[in-house]
Amino acid sequence: MKNTLKFALTAVLLSAASIASADVADSVKLSKAVKVAVASDSSRVLEIVATSIAKNESCACEVVKAAIVASDADKKLVAQIVNTAILEAPSQIRMIAQCAIATAPD
């Protein structure tokens, strides 16, 4: 009985780890896509942030960081990016704010 429980817990942990790593890979891909999109047309940065976060809310932090860096955002644009991100993913408000502050501490 104890061995069965150990194997079951190990299986659960391994499956959770693969799901978590898939999410990280998706976030990295999405971040790179946001950087490329913003670099090619920085006037659409808010639209790009909104659509990217709408596709995957769990990657909101990476999207915000990528948008701030790629657009070389000033204080006003950082605030607009954060506001747009929060409107798209209100459940991620704390993470969005922390990532924005870490990326653009001004």
N, C-alpha and C. Protein backbone atom coordinates (compact mmCIF):
# COMPACT_ATOMS: atom_id res chain seq x y z
N MET A 1 0.82 -1.19 0.00
CA MET A 1 0.00 0.00 0.00
C MET A 1 0.86 1.26 0.00
N LYS A 2 1.92 1.26 0.81
CA LYS A 2 2.79 2.42 0.89
C LYS A 2 3.51 2.65 -0.44
N ASN A 3 3.94 1.56 -1.07
CA ASN A 3 4.63 1.69 -2.36
C ASN A 3 3.69 2.23 -3.44
N THR A 4 2.47 1.79 -3.42
CA THR A 4 1.49 2.27 -4.40
C THR A 4 1.28 3.77 -4.24
N LEU A 5 1.19 4.21 -3.01
CA LEU A 5 1.01 5.63 -2.73
C LEU A 5 2.23 6.43 -3.18
N LYS A 6 3.42 5.91 -2.93
CA LYS A 6 4.64 6.58 -3.36
C LYS A 6 4.69 6.73 -4.88
N PHE A 7 4.37 5.65 -5.59
CA PHE A 7 4.39 5.69 -7.04
C PHE A 7 3.33 6.64 -7.59
N ALA A 8 2.18 6.66 -6.95
CA ALA A 8 1.11 7.55 -7.39
C ALA A 8 1.51 9.01 -7.19
N LEU A 9 2.10 9.33 -6.06
CA LEU A 9 2.55 10.69 -5.80
C LEU A 9 3.67 11.10 -6.75
N THR A 10 4.58 10.18 -7.03
CA THR A 10 5.66 10.46 -7.97
C THR A 10 5.10 10.74 -9.36
N ALA A 11 4.13 9.96 -9.78
CA ALA A 11 3.52 10.16 -11.09
C ALA A 11 2.83 11.53 -11.17
N VAL A 12 2.14 11.90 -10.12
CA VAL A 12 1.47 13.20 -10.09
C VAL A 12 2.48 14.34 -10.17
N LEU A 13 3.54 14.23 -9.40
CA LEU A 13 4.57 15.27 -9.41
C LEU A 13 5.25 15.38 -10.77
N LEU A 14 5.54 14.27 -11.40
CA LEU A 14 6.18 14.31 -12.72
C LEU A 14 5.26 14.89 -13.78
N SER A 15 3.99 14.57 -13.71
CA SER A 15 3.06 15.13 -14.69
C SER A 15 2.88 16.63 -14.46
N ALA A 16 2.87 17.07 -13.21
CA ALA A 16 2.75 18.50 -12.92
C ALA A 16 3.99 19.24 -13.40
N ALA A 17 5.15 18.63 -13.26
CA ALA A 17 6.39 19.26 -13.72
C ALA A 17 6.40 19.44 -15.22
N SER A 18 5.88 18.48 -15.95
CA SER A 18 5.86 18.61 -17.41
C SER A 18 4.87 19.69 -17.84
N ILE A 19 3.77 19.83 -17.13
CA ILE A 19 2.82 20.89 -17.44
C ILE A 19 3.43 22.25 -17.15
N ALA A 20 4.12 22.38 -16.04
CA ALA A 20 4.76 23.64 -15.68
C ALA A 20 5.83 24.01 -16.68
N SER A 21 6.61 23.06 -17.13
CA SER A 21 7.66 23.37 -18.10
C SER A 21 7.06 23.74 -19.45
N ALA A 22 5.92 23.15 -19.80
CA ALA A 22 5.26 23.53 -21.05
C ALA A 22 4.80 24.97 -20.98
N ASP A 23 4.30 25.39 -19.82
CA ASP A 23 3.85 26.77 -19.64
C ASP A 23 5.02 27.75 -19.76
N VAL A 24 6.17 27.38 -19.22
CA VAL A 24 7.35 28.22 -19.31
C VAL A 24 7.79 28.35 -20.76
N ALA A 25 7.76 27.25 -21.50
CA ALA A 25 8.14 27.28 -22.90
C ALA A 25 7.18 28.17 -23.69
N ASP A 26 5.89 28.08 -23.39
CA ASP A 26 4.91 28.93 -24.05
C ASP A 26 5.16 30.40 -23.73
N SER A 27 5.49 30.68 -22.49
CA SER A 27 5.76 32.06 -22.08
C SER A 27 6.97 32.63 -22.80
N VAL A 28 8.00 31.83 -22.95
CA VAL A 28 9.20 32.29 -23.65
C VAL A 28 8.89 32.57 -25.11
N LYS A 29 8.15 31.66 -25.74
CA LYS A 29 7.78 31.86 -27.15
C LYS A 29 6.91 33.11 -27.31
N LEU A 30 5.95 33.28 -26.42
CA LEU A 30 5.07 34.43 -26.49
C LEU A 30 5.84 35.73 -26.25
N SER A 31 6.77 35.70 -25.32
CA SER A 31 7.60 36.87 -25.03
C SER A 31 8.41 37.28 -26.27
N LYS A 32 9.01 36.30 -26.92
CA LYS A 32 9.79 36.59 -28.13
C LYS A 32 8.89 37.14 -29.24
N ALA A 33 7.69 36.58 -29.37
CA ALA A 33 6.76 37.05 -30.39
C ALA A 33 6.32 38.49 -30.12
N VAL A 34 6.11 38.81 -28.85
CA VAL A 34 5.74 40.17 -28.48
C VAL A 34 6.88 41.14 -28.80
N LYS A 35 8.10 40.77 -28.47
CA LYS A 35 9.25 41.63 -28.78
C LYS A 35 9.36 41.90 -30.27
N VAL A 36 9.20 40.87 -31.07
CA VAL A 36 9.29 41.04 -32.53
C VAL A 36 8.15 41.92 -33.04
N ALA A 37 6.94 41.68 -32.55
CA ALA A 37 5.78 42.45 -33.01
C ALA A 37 5.89 43.92 -32.62
N VAL A 38 6.32 44.18 -31.40
CA VAL A 38 6.45 45.56 -30.93
C VAL A 38 7.59 46.26 -31.66
N ALA A 39 8.67 45.55 -31.89
CA ALA A 39 9.80 46.15 -32.60
C ALA A 39 9.42 46.51 -34.03
N SER A 40 8.57 45.71 -34.65
CA SER A 40 8.18 46.00 -36.04
C SER A 40 7.14 47.11 -36.14
N ASP A 41 6.31 47.28 -35.11
CA ASP A 41 5.29 48.33 -35.14
C ASP A 41 5.00 48.79 -33.71
N SER A 42 5.82 49.70 -33.21
CA SER A 42 5.69 50.12 -31.82
C SER A 42 4.44 50.95 -31.55
N SER A 43 3.79 51.44 -32.58
CA SER A 43 2.57 52.21 -32.37
C SER A 43 1.40 51.32 -31.93
N ARG A 44 1.53 50.01 -32.13
CA ARG A 44 0.47 49.07 -31.77
C ARG A 44 0.78 48.30 -30.49
N VAL A 45 1.68 48.82 -29.67
CA VAL A 45 2.13 48.09 -28.49
C VAL A 45 0.98 47.71 -27.57
N LEU A 46 0.03 48.58 -27.34
CA LEU A 46 -1.08 48.28 -26.43
C LEU A 46 -1.98 47.20 -27.01
N GLU A 47 -2.20 47.25 -28.30
CA GLU A 47 -3.01 46.22 -28.96
C GLU A 47 -2.31 44.87 -28.89
N ILE A 48 -1.01 44.86 -29.09
CA ILE A 48 -0.23 43.63 -29.04
C ILE A 48 -0.27 43.04 -27.63
N VAL A 49 -0.13 43.89 -26.63
CA VAL A 49 -0.20 43.43 -25.24
C VAL A 49 -1.57 42.82 -24.95
N ALA A 50 -2.62 43.50 -25.37
CA ALA A 50 -3.98 43.02 -25.09
C ALA A 50 -4.25 41.66 -25.75
N THR A 51 -3.90 41.52 -27.00
CA THR A 51 -4.16 40.26 -27.68
C THR A 51 -3.28 39.13 -27.15
N SER A 52 -2.05 39.45 -26.82
CA SER A 52 -1.14 38.42 -26.32
C SER A 52 -1.58 37.90 -24.95
N ILE A 53 -2.00 38.79 -24.08
CA ILE A 53 -2.45 38.36 -22.76
C ILE A 53 -3.80 37.66 -22.85
N ALA A 54 -4.63 38.08 -23.76
CA ALA A 54 -5.92 37.42 -23.94
C ALA A 54 -5.72 35.96 -24.36
N LYS A 55 -4.68 35.70 -25.14
CA LYS A 55 -4.39 34.33 -25.57
C LYS A 55 -3.90 33.47 -24.42
N ASN A 56 -3.10 34.06 -23.51
CA ASN A 56 -2.52 33.28 -22.43
C ASN A 56 -2.28 34.17 -21.21
N GLU A 57 -3.25 34.20 -20.32
CA GLU A 57 -3.17 35.06 -19.13
C GLU A 57 -2.00 34.72 -18.22
N SER A 58 -1.63 33.47 -18.18
CA SER A 58 -0.56 33.06 -17.28
C SER A 58 0.81 33.61 -17.70
N CYS A 59 0.90 34.12 -18.92
CA CYS A 59 2.16 34.70 -19.41
C CYS A 59 2.14 36.22 -19.36
N ALA A 60 1.25 36.79 -18.58
CA ALA A 60 1.11 38.25 -18.53
C ALA A 60 2.40 38.95 -18.13
N CYS A 61 3.11 38.39 -17.18
CA CYS A 61 4.37 39.00 -16.73
C CYS A 61 5.37 39.10 -17.88
N GLU A 62 5.56 38.01 -18.59
CA GLU A 62 6.52 37.99 -19.69
C GLU A 62 6.10 38.94 -20.82
N VAL A 63 4.81 39.02 -21.08
CA VAL A 63 4.30 39.92 -22.12
C VAL A 63 4.57 41.37 -21.73
N VAL A 64 4.30 41.72 -20.49
CA VAL A 64 4.52 43.09 -20.02
C VAL A 64 6.00 43.45 -20.10
N LYS A 65 6.85 42.56 -19.62
CA LYS A 65 8.30 42.82 -19.68
C LYS A 65 8.76 43.00 -21.12
N ALA A 66 8.33 42.11 -22.00
CA ALA A 66 8.74 42.17 -23.40
C ALA A 66 8.27 43.46 -24.06
N ALA A 67 7.05 43.86 -23.76
CA ALA A 67 6.51 45.08 -24.36
C ALA A 67 7.25 46.32 -23.88
N ILE A 68 7.57 46.37 -22.60
CA ILE A 68 8.29 47.52 -22.05
C ILE A 68 9.69 47.62 -22.65
N VAL A 69 10.37 46.49 -22.72
CA VAL A 69 11.74 46.50 -23.25
C VAL A 69 11.76 46.80 -24.74
N ALA A 70 10.90 46.13 -25.50
CA ALA A 70 10.92 46.28 -26.97
C ALA A 70 10.49 47.67 -27.42
N SER A 71 9.61 48.31 -26.66
CA SER A 71 9.13 49.64 -27.04
C SER A 71 9.98 50.75 -26.46
N ASP A 72 10.93 50.39 -25.59
CA ASP A 72 11.75 51.38 -24.89
C ASP A 72 10.83 52.42 -24.24
N ALA A 73 9.89 51.91 -23.46
CA ALA A 73 8.78 52.70 -22.93
C ALA A 73 9.22 53.74 -21.91
N ASP A 74 8.58 54.90 -22.01
CA ASP A 74 8.75 55.92 -20.98
C ASP A 74 7.73 55.65 -19.87
N LYS A 75 7.72 56.49 -18.85
CA LYS A 75 6.83 56.26 -17.71
C LYS A 75 5.36 56.18 -18.11
N LYS A 76 4.96 57.06 -18.99
CA LYS A 76 3.55 57.10 -19.42
C LYS A 76 3.17 55.83 -20.16
N LEU A 77 4.04 55.38 -21.07
CA LEU A 77 3.75 54.17 -21.83
C LEU A 77 3.78 52.93 -20.94
N VAL A 78 4.67 52.90 -19.97
CA VAL A 78 4.69 51.78 -19.02
C VAL A 78 3.36 51.71 -18.29
N ALA A 79 2.86 52.83 -17.85
CA ALA A 79 1.56 52.86 -17.16
C ALA A 79 0.44 52.37 -18.07
N GLN A 80 0.48 52.76 -19.34
CA GLN A 80 -0.54 52.31 -20.28
C GLN A 80 -0.44 50.80 -20.54
N ILE A 81 0.79 50.29 -20.64
CA ILE A 81 0.98 48.85 -20.83
C ILE A 81 0.45 48.08 -19.63
N VAL A 82 0.77 48.55 -18.43
CA VAL A 82 0.30 47.88 -17.22
C VAL A 82 -1.22 47.94 -17.14
N ASN A 83 -1.80 49.08 -17.43
CA ASN A 83 -3.26 49.21 -17.40
C ASN A 83 -3.92 48.26 -18.39
N THR A 84 -3.39 48.18 -19.59
CA THR A 84 -3.94 47.28 -20.61
C THR A 84 -3.83 45.84 -20.16
N ALA A 85 -2.69 45.48 -19.59
CA ALA A 85 -2.49 44.10 -19.12
C ALA A 85 -3.46 43.76 -18.00
N ILE A 86 -3.66 44.69 -17.08
CA ILE A 86 -4.58 44.44 -15.96
C ILE A 86 -6.02 44.29 -16.45
N LEU A 87 -6.39 45.07 -17.44
CA LEU A 87 -7.75 44.94 -17.99
C LEU A 87 -7.96 43.58 -18.65
N GLU A 88 -6.91 43.02 -19.25
CA GLU A 88 -7.03 41.72 -19.91
C GLU A 88 -6.92 40.55 -18.94
N ALA A 89 -6.16 40.74 -17.86
CA ALA A 89 -5.96 39.65 -16.89
C ALA A 89 -6.03 40.19 -15.47
N PRO A 90 -7.22 40.53 -15.01
CA PRO A 90 -7.35 41.10 -13.66
C PRO A 90 -6.88 40.17 -12.55
N SER A 91 -6.90 38.88 -12.79
CA SER A 91 -6.44 37.94 -11.77
C SER A 91 -4.92 37.96 -11.61
N GLN A 92 -4.22 38.55 -12.56
CA GLN A 92 -2.76 38.60 -12.55
C GLN A 92 -2.23 39.98 -12.14
N ILE A 93 -3.07 40.80 -11.52
CA ILE A 93 -2.71 42.19 -11.24
C ILE A 93 -1.42 42.32 -10.43
N ARG A 94 -1.26 41.50 -9.42
CA ARG A 94 -0.06 41.59 -8.57
C ARG A 94 1.19 41.24 -9.37
N MET A 95 1.11 40.17 -10.15
CA MET A 95 2.26 39.73 -10.95
C MET A 95 2.61 40.77 -12.03
N ILE A 96 1.59 41.33 -12.64
CA ILE A 96 1.81 42.34 -13.68
C ILE A 96 2.53 43.55 -13.09
N ALA A 97 2.06 44.01 -11.94
CA ALA A 97 2.68 45.16 -11.29
C ALA A 97 4.11 44.89 -10.89
N GLN A 98 4.36 43.72 -10.33
CA GLN A 98 5.72 43.37 -9.91
C GLN A 98 6.67 43.29 -11.11
N CYS A 99 6.20 42.70 -12.20
CA CYS A 99 7.06 42.57 -13.39
C CYS A 99 7.35 43.93 -14.00
N ALA A 100 6.36 44.80 -14.02
CA ALA A 100 6.56 46.13 -14.58
C ALA A 100 7.56 46.93 -13.73
N ILE A 101 7.42 46.83 -12.42
CA ILE A 101 8.34 47.54 -11.53
C ILE A 101 9.75 46.99 -11.67
N ALA A 102 9.88 45.70 -11.82
CA ALA A 102 11.20 45.08 -11.97
C ALA A 102 11.84 45.48 -13.30
N THR A 103 11.04 45.66 -14.32
CA THR A 103 11.55 45.99 -15.65
C THR A 103 11.83 47.48 -15.79
N ALA A 104 10.92 48.29 -15.27
CA ALA A 104 11.06 49.75 -15.37
C ALA A 104 10.82 50.35 -14.00
N PRO A 105 11.83 50.37 -13.14
CA PRO A 105 11.63 50.82 -11.77
C PRO A 105 11.28 52.29 -11.61
N ASP A 106 11.43 53.07 -12.66
CA ASP A 106 11.07 54.50 -12.57
C ASP A 106 9.60 54.62 -12.35
